[in-house]
Amino acid sequence: MPKMSKKRKLEWQFFLTPRNRMTYNPLCRKCAHSCKQSFRADVADCPRYLSKRAKRSY
């Protein structure tokens, strides 16, 4: 993995682990959309995430 520049590190600081690896929220890891959230964030609601256990209204 190439070394990140200082500018890029500051830009992505919220997503970096102590080992300087980009890490997303477990909910967002398998998501195909570009609205990824940090592993540090608590996801309250994601409009594109549909749980298999969620009640559906038809």
PDB file of N, CA and C in Angstrom:
ATOM      1  N   MET A   1       0.848  -1.174   0.000  1.00  0.00           N
ATOM      2  CA  MET A   1       0.000   0.000   0.000  1.00  0.00           C
ATOM      3  C   MET A   1       0.895   1.238   0.000  1.00  0.00           C
ATOM      4  N   PRO A   2       0.682   2.175  -0.922  1.00  0.00           N
ATOM      5  CA  PRO A   2       1.523   3.369  -0.983  1.00  0.00           C
ATOM      6  C   PRO A   2       1.289   4.281   0.224  1.00  0.00           C
ATOM      7  N   LYS A   3       2.316   5.001   0.568  1.00  0.00           N
ATOM      8  CA  LYS A   3       2.248   5.923   1.693  1.00  0.00           C
ATOM      9  C   LYS A   3       1.358   7.111   1.332  1.00  0.00           C
ATOM     10  N   MET A   4       0.550   7.563   2.292  1.00  0.00           N
ATOM     11  CA  MET A   4      -0.340   8.701   2.057  1.00  0.00           C
ATOM     12  C   MET A   4       0.396  10.006   2.308  1.00  0.00           C
ATOM     13  N   SER A   5       0.051  11.008   1.538  1.00  0.00           N
ATOM     14  CA  SER A   5       0.623  12.332   1.754  1.00  0.00           C
ATOM     15  C   SER A   5      -0.022  12.958   2.996  1.00  0.00           C
ATOM     16  N   LYS A   6       0.597  13.987   3.532  1.00  0.00           N
ATOM     17  CA  LYS A   6       0.061  14.653   4.718  1.00  0.00           C
ATOM     18  C   LYS A   6      -1.329  15.217   4.448  1.00  0.00           C
ATOM     19  N   LYS A   7      -1.491  15.784   3.260  1.00  0.00           N
ATOM     20  CA  LYS A   7      -2.778  16.377   2.896  1.00  0.00           C
ATOM     21  C   LYS A   7      -3.873  15.314   2.870  1.00  0.00           C
ATOM     22  N   ARG A   8      -3.575  14.173   2.284  1.00  0.00           N
ATOM     23  CA  ARG A   8      -4.563  13.097   2.184  1.00  0.00           C
ATOM     24  C   ARG A   8      -4.862  12.502   3.559  1.00  0.00           C
ATOM     25  N   LYS A   9      -3.846  12.395   4.417  1.00  0.00           N
ATOM     26  CA  LYS A   9      -4.054  11.888   5.771  1.00  0.00           C
ATOM     27  C   LYS A   9      -5.006  12.789   6.549  1.00  0.00           C
ATOM     28  N   LEU A  10      -4.796  14.100   6.449  1.00  0.00           N
ATOM     29  CA  LEU A  10      -5.674  15.043   7.145  1.00  0.00           C
ATOM     30  C   LEU A  10      -7.092  14.981   6.597  1.00  0.00           C
ATOM     31  N   GLU A  11      -7.202  14.799   5.295  1.00  0.00           N
ATOM     32  CA  GLU A  11      -8.507  14.737   4.646  1.00  0.00           C
ATOM     33  C   GLU A  11      -9.290  13.493   5.083  1.00  0.00           C
ATOM     34  N   TRP A  12      -8.605  12.374   5.231  1.00  0.00           N
ATOM     35  CA  TRP A  12      -9.254  11.099   5.546  1.00  0.00           C
ATOM     36  C   TRP A  12      -9.044  10.677   7.006  1.00  0.00           C
ATOM     37  N   GLN A  13      -8.668  11.585   7.878  1.00  0.00           N
ATOM     38  CA  GLN A  13      -8.336  11.285   9.262  1.00  0.00           C
ATOM     39  C   GLN A  13      -9.458  10.553  10.007  1.00  0.00           C
ATOM     40  N   PHE A  14     -10.693  10.882   9.739  1.00  0.00           N
ATOM     41  CA  PHE A  14     -11.839  10.274  10.427  1.00  0.00           C
ATOM     42  C   PHE A  14     -12.009   8.805  10.037  1.00  0.00           C
ATOM     43  N   PHE A  15     -11.476   8.388   8.882  1.00  0.00           N
ATOM     44  CA  PHE A  15     -11.619   7.026   8.389  1.00  0.00           C
ATOM     45  C   PHE A  15     -10.407   6.144   8.687  1.00  0.00           C
ATOM     46  N   LEU A  16      -9.306   6.729   9.168  1.00  0.00           N
ATOM     47  CA  LEU A  16      -8.072   5.972   9.356  1.00  0.00           C
ATOM     48  C   LEU A  16      -7.992   5.324  10.734  1.00  0.00           C
ATOM     49  N   THR A  17      -7.523   4.084  10.757  1.00  0.00           N
ATOM     50  CA  THR A  17      -7.260   3.371  12.006  1.00  0.00           C
ATOM     51  C   THR A  17      -5.869   3.771  12.488  1.00  0.00           C
ATOM     52  N   PRO A  18      -5.465   3.339  13.683  1.00  0.00           N
ATOM     53  CA  PRO A  18      -4.101   3.646  14.144  1.00  0.00           C
ATOM     54  C   PRO A  18      -3.008   3.111  13.210  1.00  0.00           C
ATOM     55  N   ARG A  19      -3.329   2.119  12.403  1.00  0.00           N
ATOM     56  CA  ARG A  19      -2.348   1.577  11.456  1.00  0.00           C
ATOM     57  C   ARG A  19      -2.444   2.264  10.085  1.00  0.00           C
ATOM     58  N   ASN A  20      -3.155   3.385  10.031  1.00  0.00           N
ATOM     59  CA  ASN A  20      -3.334   4.185   8.806  1.00  0.00           C
ATOM     60  C   ASN A  20      -4.006   3.408   7.678  1.00  0.00           C
ATOM     61  N   ARG A  21      -5.015   2.636   8.022  1.00  0.00           N
ATOM     62  CA  ARG A  21      -5.777   1.912   7.009  1.00  0.00           C
ATOM     63  C   ARG A  21      -7.175   2.504   6.945  1.00  0.00           C
ATOM     64  N   MET A  22      -7.711   2.636   5.735  1.00  0.00           N
ATOM     65  CA  MET A  22      -9.062   3.160   5.546  1.00  0.00           C
ATOM     66  C   MET A  22     -10.059   2.119   6.037  1.00  0.00           C
ATOM     67  N   THR A  23     -10.964   2.527   6.935  1.00  0.00           N
ATOM     68  CA  THR A  23     -11.942   1.603   7.488  1.00  0.00           C
ATOM     69  C   THR A  23     -13.309   2.262   7.494  1.00  0.00           C
ATOM     70  N   TYR A  24     -14.302   1.509   7.021  1.00  0.00           N
ATOM     71  CA  TYR A  24     -15.671   2.007   6.962  1.00  0.00           C
ATOM     72  C   TYR A  24     -16.519   1.326   8.026  1.00  0.00           C
ATOM     73  N   ASN A  25     -17.703   1.846   8.227  1.00  0.00           N
ATOM     74  CA  ASN A  25     -18.663   1.273   9.152  1.00  0.00           C
ATOM     75  C   ASN A  25     -19.043  -0.132   8.678  1.00  0.00           C
ATOM     76  N   PRO A  26     -19.246  -1.091   9.594  1.00  0.00           N
ATOM     77  CA  PRO A  26     -19.620  -2.452   9.175  1.00  0.00           C
ATOM     78  C   PRO A  26     -20.858  -2.496   8.286  1.00  0.00           C
ATOM     79  N   LEU A  27     -21.799  -1.580   8.511  1.00  0.00           N
ATOM     80  CA  LEU A  27     -22.991  -1.509   7.658  1.00  0.00           C
ATOM     81  C   LEU A  27     -22.635  -1.108   6.233  1.00  0.00           C
ATOM     82  N   CYS A  28     -21.620  -0.283   6.092  1.00  0.00           N
ATOM     83  CA  CYS A  28     -21.258   0.285   4.788  1.00  0.00           C
ATOM     84  C   CYS A  28     -20.241  -0.551   4.014  1.00  0.00           C
ATOM     85  N   ARG A  29     -19.608  -1.495   4.662  1.00  0.00           N
ATOM     86  CA  ARG A  29     -18.531  -2.242   4.004  1.00  0.00           C
ATOM     87  C   ARG A  29     -18.983  -2.962   2.747  1.00  0.00           C
ATOM     88  N   LYS A  30     -20.144  -3.600   2.790  1.00  0.00           N
ATOM     89  CA  LYS A  30     -20.627  -4.373   1.643  1.00  0.00           C
ATOM     90  C   LYS A  30     -21.537  -3.563   0.725  1.00  0.00           C
ATOM     91  N   CYS A  31     -21.804  -2.335   1.093  1.00  0.00           N
ATOM     92  CA  CYS A  31     -22.695  -1.473   0.314  1.00  0.00           C
ATOM     93  C   CYS A  31     -22.018  -1.033  -0.983  1.00  0.00           C
ATOM     94  N   ALA A  32     -22.774  -1.018  -2.059  1.00  0.00           N
ATOM     95  CA  ALA A  32     -22.226  -0.659  -3.368  1.00  0.00           C
ATOM     96  C   ALA A  32     -22.254   0.849  -3.617  1.00  0.00           C
ATOM     97  N   HIS A  33     -22.954   1.589  -2.788  1.00  0.00           N
ATOM     98  CA  HIS A  33     -23.106   3.030  -2.991  1.00  0.00           C
ATOM     99  C   HIS A  33     -21.902   3.799  -2.452  1.00  0.00           C
ATOM    100  N   SER A  34     -21.751   5.021  -2.886  1.00  0.00           N
ATOM    101  CA  SER A  34     -20.575   5.826  -2.520  1.00  0.00           C
ATOM    102  C   SER A  34     -20.770   6.653  -1.246  1.00  0.00           C
ATOM    103  N   CYS A  35     -21.842   6.435  -0.535  1.00  0.00           N
ATOM    104  CA  CYS A  35     -22.129   7.228   0.672  1.00  0.00           C
ATOM    105  C   CYS A  35     -21.568   6.558   1.925  1.00  0.00           C
ATOM    106  N   LYS A  36     -20.356   6.050   1.862  1.00  0.00           N
ATOM    107  CA  LYS A  36     -19.735   5.304   2.962  1.00  0.00           C
ATOM    108  C   LYS A  36     -19.524   6.198   4.185  1.00  0.00           C
ATOM    109  N   GLN A  37     -19.654   5.590   5.375  1.00  0.00           N
ATOM    110  CA  GLN A  37     -19.459   6.317   6.621  1.00  0.00           C
ATOM    111  C   GLN A  37     -18.281   5.717   7.384  1.00  0.00           C
ATOM    112  N   SER A  38     -17.706   6.499   8.250  1.00  0.00           N
ATOM    113  CA  SER A  38     -16.536   6.079   9.023  1.00  0.00           C
ATOM    114  C   SER A  38     -16.902   5.024  10.057  1.00  0.00           C
ATOM    115  N   PHE A  39     -15.918   4.230  10.454  1.00  0.00           N
ATOM    116  CA  PHE A  39     -16.134   3.238  11.502  1.00  0.00           C
ATOM    117  C   PHE A  39     -16.351   3.915  12.844  1.00  0.00           C
ATOM    118  N   ARG A  40     -15.982   5.171  12.963  1.00  0.00           N
ATOM    119  CA  ARG A  40     -16.156   5.920  14.211  1.00  0.00           C
ATOM    120  C   ARG A  40     -17.579   6.464  14.366  1.00  0.00           C
ATOM    121  N   ALA A  41     -18.316   6.546  13.278  1.00  0.00           N
ATOM    122  CA  ALA A  41     -19.662   7.120  13.304  1.00  0.00           C
ATOM    123  C   ALA A  41     -20.695   6.086  13.740  1.00  0.00           C
ATOM    124  N   ASP A  42     -21.713   6.552  14.458  1.00  0.00           N
ATOM    125  CA  ASP A  42     -22.852   5.708  14.801  1.00  0.00           C
ATOM    126  C   ASP A  42     -23.924   5.958  13.757  1.00  0.00           C
ATOM    127  N   VAL A  43     -24.263   4.934  13.005  1.00  0.00           N
ATOM    128  CA  VAL A  43     -25.244   5.089  11.938  1.00  0.00           C
ATOM    129  C   VAL A  43     -26.638   5.077  12.549  1.00  0.00           C
ATOM    130  N   ALA A  44     -27.335   6.191  12.468  1.00  0.00           N
ATOM    131  CA  ALA A  44     -28.694   6.274  12.976  1.00  0.00           C
ATOM    132  C   ALA A  44     -29.675   5.820  11.905  1.00  0.00           C
ATOM    133  N   ASP A  45     -29.439   6.255  10.686  1.00  0.00           N
ATOM    134  CA  ASP A  45     -30.324   5.891   9.590  1.00  0.00           C
ATOM    135  C   ASP A  45     -29.578   6.047   8.276  1.00  0.00           C
ATOM    136  N   CYS A  46     -29.655   5.025   7.457  1.00  0.00           N
ATOM    137  CA  CYS A  46     -29.064   5.084   6.124  1.00  0.00           C
ATOM    138  C   CYS A  46     -30.190   4.857   5.129  1.00  0.00           C
ATOM    139  N   PRO A  47     -30.491   5.828   4.283  1.00  0.00           N
ATOM    140  CA  PRO A  47     -31.628   5.697   3.365  1.00  0.00           C
ATOM    141  C   PRO A  47     -31.461   4.581   2.342  1.00  0.00           C
ATOM    142  N   ARG A  48     -30.248   4.150   2.097  1.00  0.00           N
ATOM    143  CA  ARG A  48     -30.029   3.117   1.080  1.00  0.00           C
ATOM    144  C   ARG A  48     -29.871   1.721   1.661  1.00  0.00           C
ATOM    145  N   TYR A  49     -29.862   1.616   2.990  1.00  0.00           N
ATOM    146  CA  TYR A  49     -29.688   0.313   3.636  1.00  0.00           C
ATOM    147  C   TYR A  49     -31.045  -0.287   3.961  1.00  0.00           C
ATOM    148  N   LEU A  50     -31.268  -1.514   3.535  1.00  0.00           N
ATOM    149  CA  LEU A  50     -32.497  -2.224   3.859  1.00  0.00           C
ATOM    150  C   LEU A  50     -32.132  -3.518   4.576  1.00  0.00           C
ATOM    151  N   SER A  51     -32.509  -3.601   5.833  1.00  0.00           N
ATOM    152  CA  SER A  51     -32.244  -4.806   6.601  1.00  0.00           C
ATOM    153  C   SER A  51     -33.224  -5.891   6.189  1.00  0.00           C
ATOM    154  N   LYS A  52     -32.790  -7.135   6.254  1.00  0.00           N
ATOM    155  CA  LYS A  52     -33.678  -8.243   5.915  1.00  0.00           C
ATOM    156  C   LYS A  52     -34.766  -8.409   6.971  1.00  0.00           C
ATOM    157  N   ARG A  53     -34.504  -7.896   8.178  1.00  0.00           N
ATOM    158  CA  ARG A  53     -35.479  -8.013   9.260  1.00  0.00           C
ATOM    159  C   ARG A  53     -36.403  -6.800   9.356  1.00  0.00           C
ATOM    160  N   ALA A  54     -36.165  -5.796   8.557  1.00  0.00           N
ATOM    161  CA  ALA A  54     -36.989  -4.586   8.605  1.00  0.00           C
ATOM    162  C   ALA A  54     -38.396  -4.895   8.106  1.00  0.00           C
ATOM    163  N   LYS A  55     -39.367  -4.239   8.719  1.00  0.00           N
ATOM    164  CA  LYS A  55     -40.754  -4.433   8.293  1.00  0.00           C
ATOM    165  C   LYS A  55     -40.984  -3.646   7.018  1.00  0.00           C
ATOM    166  N   ARG A  56     -41.520  -4.306   6.043  1.00  0.00           N
ATOM    167  CA  ARG A  56     -41.778  -3.665   4.752  1.00  0.00           C
ATOM    168  C   ARG A  56     -43.241  -3.266   4.654  1.00  0.00           C
ATOM    169  N   SER A  57     -43.491  -2.126   4.114  1.00  0.00           N
ATOM    170  CA  SER A  57     -44.871  -1.687   3.892  1.00  0.00           C
ATOM    171  C   SER A  57     -45.117  -1.655   2.388  1.00  0.00           C
ATOM    172  N   TYR A  58     -46.015  -2.486   1.943  1.00  0.00           N
ATOM    173  CA  TYR A  58     -46.312  -2.584   0.503  1.00  0.00           C
ATOM    174  C   TYR A  58     -47.502  -1.760   0.130  1.00  0.00           C
TER     175      TYR A  58
END
